């Protein structure tokens, strides 16, 4: 399966509540991985990734350019509507296992794994997702 490689120093704290009984759910979501550019104070870069597995403490993501992601980054769903703070755990070719900074709600993860239109996650998700996901969304700026 995935080989253990050098882990980000924060990953040990993110996975402090790891539960070996947690069930990974299959997913098919397109997201953006957002990370600070090297040398830039307020500049960020993004990389399109596909979330193929979800559980309460992390996710499995895929991208052809996964090696460009730093050890610590954010996964963004929608038009800046939902963010996950992530740390790299394991990397193998074009796939990466990440830990979330805090465990997510089981109902929220279940609802995300059931989204049928993955490309909708690159646009606004409001009003097209279950209430448990809408409750987590960042409020719109007026």
C-alpha atoms as a PDB file:
ATOM      1  CA  UNK A   1       0.000   0.000   0.000  1.00  0.00           C
ATOM      2  CA  UNK A   2       1.423   3.429   0.844  1.00  0.00           C
ATOM      3  CA  UNK A   3       4.980   3.617   2.069  1.00  0.00           C
ATOM      4  CA  UNK A   4       5.913   5.628   5.126  1.00  0.00           C
ATOM      5  CA  UNK A   5       8.098   8.544   4.205  1.00  0.00           C
ATOM      6  CA  UNK A   6       9.245  11.609   6.083  1.00  0.00           C
ATOM      7  CA  UNK A   7       6.252  13.127   7.861  1.00  0.00           C
ATOM      8  CA  UNK A   8       5.564  16.776   8.519  1.00  0.00           C
ATOM      9  CA  UNK A   9       6.268  17.576  12.167  1.00  0.00           C
ATOM     10  CA  UNK A  10       2.637  18.701  12.690  1.00  0.00           C
ATOM     11  CA  UNK A  11       1.259  15.382  11.395  1.00  0.00           C
ATOM     12  CA  UNK A  12       2.100  13.743  14.726  1.00  0.00           C
ATOM     13  CA  UNK A  13      -0.245  16.178  16.475  1.00  0.00           C
ATOM     14  CA  UNK A  14      -2.954  16.013  13.816  1.00  0.00           C
ATOM     15  CA  UNK A  15      -3.163  12.266  14.136  1.00  0.00           C
ATOM     16  CA  UNK A  16      -2.932  12.149  17.932  1.00  0.00           C
ATOM     17  CA  UNK A  17      -6.523  10.910  18.061  1.00  0.00           C
ATOM     18  CA  UNK A  18      -6.065   8.262  15.380  1.00  0.00           C
ATOM     19  CA  UNK A  19      -8.526   5.444  15.753  1.00  0.00           C
ATOM     20  CA  UNK A  20      -7.647   2.242  13.895  1.00  0.00           C
ATOM     21  CA  UNK A  21     -11.375   1.426  13.657  1.00  0.00           C
ATOM     22  CA  UNK A  22     -12.205   4.481  11.546  1.00  0.00           C
ATOM     23  CA  UNK A  23     -13.772   3.581   8.216  1.00  0.00           C
ATOM     24  CA  UNK A  24     -12.456   5.198   5.041  1.00  0.00           C
ATOM     25  CA  UNK A  25     -15.263   6.168   2.656  1.00  0.00           C
ATOM     26  CA  UNK A  26     -14.818   6.301  -1.091  1.00  0.00           C
ATOM     27  CA  UNK A  27     -15.212   9.781  -2.527  1.00  0.00           C
ATOM     28  CA  UNK A  28     -14.933  11.513  -5.863  1.00  0.00           C
ATOM     29  CA  UNK A  29     -14.458  15.214  -5.161  1.00  0.00           C
ATOM     30  CA  UNK A  30     -12.419  17.776  -7.029  1.00  0.00           C
ATOM     31  CA  UNK A  31     -10.772  20.257  -4.666  1.00  0.00           C
ATOM     32  CA  UNK A  32      -7.979  22.796  -4.599  1.00  0.00           C
ATOM     33  CA  UNK A  33      -4.901  22.402  -2.432  1.00  0.00           C
ATOM     34  CA  UNK A  34      -3.836  25.904  -1.364  1.00  0.00           C
ATOM     35  CA  UNK A  35      -0.381  26.629   0.015  1.00  0.00           C
ATOM     36  CA  UNK A  36       1.897  29.665   0.490  1.00  0.00           C
ATOM     37  CA  UNK A  37       4.384  30.342  -2.286  1.00  0.00           C
ATOM     38  CA  UNK A  38       8.044  30.186  -1.371  1.00  0.00           C
ATOM     39  CA  UNK A  39       9.379  33.624  -0.549  1.00  0.00           C
ATOM     40  CA  UNK A  40       5.971  35.272  -0.684  1.00  0.00           C
ATOM     41  CA  UNK A  41       4.452  36.707   2.467  1.00  0.00           C
ATOM     42  CA  UNK A  42       0.862  36.914   1.280  1.00  0.00           C
ATOM     43  CA  UNK A  43       0.940  35.007  -1.989  1.00  0.00           C
ATOM     44  CA  UNK A  44      -0.581  31.584  -2.374  1.00  0.00           C
ATOM     45  CA  UNK A  45      -0.536  28.922  -5.046  1.00  0.00           C
ATOM     46  CA  UNK A  46      -3.115  26.259  -5.692  1.00  0.00           C
ATOM     47  CA  UNK A  47      -3.162  22.821  -7.245  1.00  0.00           C
ATOM     48  CA  UNK A  48      -6.230  20.912  -8.369  1.00  0.00           C
ATOM     49  CA  UNK A  49      -6.523  17.546  -6.613  1.00  0.00           C
ATOM     50  CA  UNK A  50      -9.094  14.763  -6.459  1.00  0.00           C
ATOM     51  CA  UNK A  51     -10.232  13.472  -3.068  1.00  0.00           C
ATOM     52  CA  UNK A  52     -10.703   9.712  -3.473  1.00  0.00           C
ATOM     53  CA  UNK A  53     -11.084   8.716   0.187  1.00  0.00           C
ATOM     54  CA  UNK A  54     -12.429  10.421   3.293  1.00  0.00           C
ATOM     55  CA  UNK A  55     -12.595   9.668   6.988  1.00  0.00           C
ATOM     56  CA  UNK A  56     -13.021  11.757  10.105  1.00  0.00           C
ATOM     57  CA  UNK A  57      -9.289  12.355  10.601  1.00  0.00           C
ATOM     58  CA  UNK A  58      -8.055  12.738   7.028  1.00  0.00           C
ATOM     59  CA  UNK A  59      -8.293  11.992   3.355  1.00  0.00           C
ATOM     60  CA  UNK A  60      -6.579  10.362   0.411  1.00  0.00           C
ATOM     61  CA  UNK A  61      -5.923  12.720  -2.478  1.00  0.00           C
ATOM     62  CA  UNK A  62      -4.583  12.247  -5.999  1.00  0.00           C
ATOM     63  CA  UNK A  63      -2.883  14.582  -8.465  1.00  0.00           C
ATOM     64  CA  UNK A  64      -0.301  14.240 -11.190  1.00  0.00           C
ATOM     65  CA  UNK A  65       1.696  17.024  -9.498  1.00  0.00           C
ATOM     66  CA  UNK A  66       1.360  15.844  -5.886  1.00  0.00           C
ATOM     67  CA  UNK A  67       5.116  16.238  -5.307  1.00  0.00           C
ATOM     68  CA  UNK A  68       4.732  20.042  -5.476  1.00  0.00           C
ATOM     69  CA  UNK A  69       2.553  20.163  -2.364  1.00  0.00           C
ATOM     70  CA  UNK A  70       4.366  21.220   0.803  1.00  0.00           C
ATOM     71  CA  UNK A  71       4.090  19.343   4.092  1.00  0.00           C
ATOM     72  CA  UNK A  72       1.321  21.637   5.330  1.00  0.00           C
ATOM     73  CA  UNK A  73      -1.522  23.028   3.166  1.00  0.00           C
ATOM     74  CA  UNK A  74      -5.287  23.607   2.955  1.00  0.00           C
ATOM     75  CA  UNK A  75      -7.879  21.660   0.982  1.00  0.00           C
ATOM     76  CA  UNK A  76     -10.603  23.943  -0.345  1.00  0.00           C
ATOM     77  CA  UNK A  77     -14.028  22.799  -1.553  1.00  0.00           C
ATOM     78  CA  UNK A  78     -16.346  25.097  -3.455  1.00  0.00           C
ATOM     79  CA  UNK A  79     -15.636  28.730  -4.109  1.00  0.00           C
ATOM     80  CA  UNK A  80     -13.707  29.167  -0.853  1.00  0.00           C
ATOM     81  CA  UNK A  81     -16.640  27.703   1.084  1.00  0.00           C
ATOM     82  CA  UNK A  82     -15.094  24.797   3.015  1.00  0.00           C
ATOM     83  CA  UNK A  83     -11.466  24.514   4.163  1.00  0.00           C
ATOM     84  CA  UNK A  84      -9.535  21.656   5.770  1.00  0.00           C
ATOM     85  CA  UNK A  85      -6.116  22.275   7.325  1.00  0.00           C
ATOM     86  CA  UNK A  86      -3.940  19.314   6.317  1.00  0.00           C
ATOM     87  CA  UNK A  87      -0.537  17.798   6.957  1.00  0.00           C
ATOM     88  CA  UNK A  88       1.159  15.287   4.684  1.00  0.00           C
ATOM     89  CA  UNK A  89       1.358  11.758   6.114  1.00  0.00           C
ATOM     90  CA  UNK A  90       2.247   9.311   3.349  1.00  0.00           C
ATOM     91  CA  UNK A  91       3.074   9.831  -0.315  1.00  0.00           C
ATOM     92  CA  UNK A  92       3.258   7.268  -3.097  1.00  0.00           C
ATOM     93  CA  UNK A  93       3.593   8.348  -6.742  1.00  0.00           C
ATOM     94  CA  UNK A  94       0.476  10.418  -7.544  1.00  0.00           C
ATOM     95  CA  UNK A  95      -1.363   9.717  -4.273  1.00  0.00           C
ATOM     96  CA  UNK A  96      -1.081  11.245  -0.805  1.00  0.00           C
ATOM     97  CA  UNK A  97      -2.658  10.478   2.559  1.00  0.00           C
ATOM     98  CA  UNK A  98      -3.226  13.598   4.660  1.00  0.00           C
ATOM     99  CA  UNK A  99      -4.300  14.252   8.254  1.00  0.00           C
ATOM    100  CA  UNK A 100      -6.799  16.957   9.154  1.00  0.00           C
ATOM    101  CA  UNK A 101      -5.858  19.345  11.958  1.00  0.00           C
ATOM    102  CA  UNK A 102      -8.999  18.339  13.859  1.00  0.00           C
ATOM    103  CA  UNK A 103     -11.422  15.433  13.476  1.00  0.00           C
ATOM    104  CA  UNK A 104     -14.488  16.143  11.348  1.00  0.00           C
ATOM    105  CA  UNK A 105     -18.074  15.223  12.155  1.00  0.00           C
ATOM    106  CA  UNK A 106     -19.119  11.761  10.902  1.00  0.00           C
ATOM    107  CA  UNK A 107     -22.356  13.051   9.344  1.00  0.00           C
ATOM    108  CA  UNK A 108     -20.405  15.755   7.499  1.00  0.00           C
ATOM    109  CA  UNK A 109     -17.929  13.217   6.087  1.00  0.00           C
ATOM    110  CA  UNK A 110     -20.780  10.871   5.072  1.00  0.00           C
ATOM    111  CA  UNK A 111     -22.553  13.709   3.247  1.00  0.00           C
ATOM    112  CA  UNK A 112     -19.365  14.760   1.419  1.00  0.00           C
ATOM    113  CA  UNK A 113     -18.690  11.209   0.275  1.00  0.00           C
ATOM    114  CA  UNK A 114     -22.169  11.050  -1.288  1.00  0.00           C
ATOM    115  CA  UNK A 115     -21.811  14.140  -3.514  1.00  0.00           C
ATOM    116  CA  UNK A 116     -22.494  12.952  -7.081  1.00  0.00           C
ATOM    117  CA  UNK A 117     -21.201  15.851  -9.183  1.00  0.00           C
ATOM    118  CA  UNK A 118     -17.503  16.243  -8.362  1.00  0.00           C
ATOM    119  CA  UNK A 119     -16.954  19.220 -10.665  1.00  0.00           C
ATOM    120  CA  UNK A 120     -19.558  21.173  -8.708  1.00  0.00           C
ATOM    121  CA  UNK A 121     -17.047  21.373  -5.869  1.00  0.00           C
ATOM    122  CA  UNK A 122     -14.958  23.789  -7.924  1.00  0.00           C
ATOM    123  CA  UNK A 123     -17.916  26.188  -8.098  1.00  0.00           C
ATOM    124  CA  UNK A 124     -20.463  27.340  -5.564  1.00  0.00           C
ATOM    125  CA  UNK A 125     -21.957  24.420  -3.659  1.00  0.00           C
ATOM    126  CA  UNK A 126     -24.648  26.393  -1.838  1.00  0.00           C
ATOM    127  CA  UNK A 127     -28.207  25.112  -2.130  1.00  0.00           C
ATOM    128  CA  UNK A 128     -27.058  21.967  -3.968  1.00  0.00           C
ATOM    129  CA  UNK A 129     -25.758  20.036  -0.969  1.00  0.00           C
ATOM    130  CA  UNK A 130     -27.358  18.607   2.196  1.00  0.00           C
ATOM    131  CA  UNK A 131     -27.895  20.917   5.204  1.00  0.00           C
ATOM    132  CA  UNK A 132     -25.063  19.284   7.188  1.00  0.00           C
ATOM    133  CA  UNK A 133     -22.604  20.514   4.534  1.00  0.00           C
ATOM    134  CA  UNK A 134     -24.261  23.945   4.221  1.00  0.00           C
ATOM    135  CA  UNK A 135     -23.877  24.426   7.990  1.00  0.00           C
ATOM    136  CA  UNK A 136     -20.100  24.041   7.623  1.00  0.00           C
ATOM    137  CA  UNK A 137     -19.724  26.525   4.762  1.00  0.00           C
ATOM    138  CA  UNK A 138     -18.002  29.855   5.294  1.00  0.00           C
ATOM    139  CA  UNK A 139     -20.660  32.598   5.160  1.00  0.00           C
ATOM    140  CA  UNK A 140     -20.837  34.654   1.991  1.00  0.00           C
ATOM    141  CA  UNK A 141     -19.327  38.127   2.157  1.00  0.00           C
ATOM    142  CA  UNK A 142     -21.823  40.839   1.331  1.00  0.00           C
END
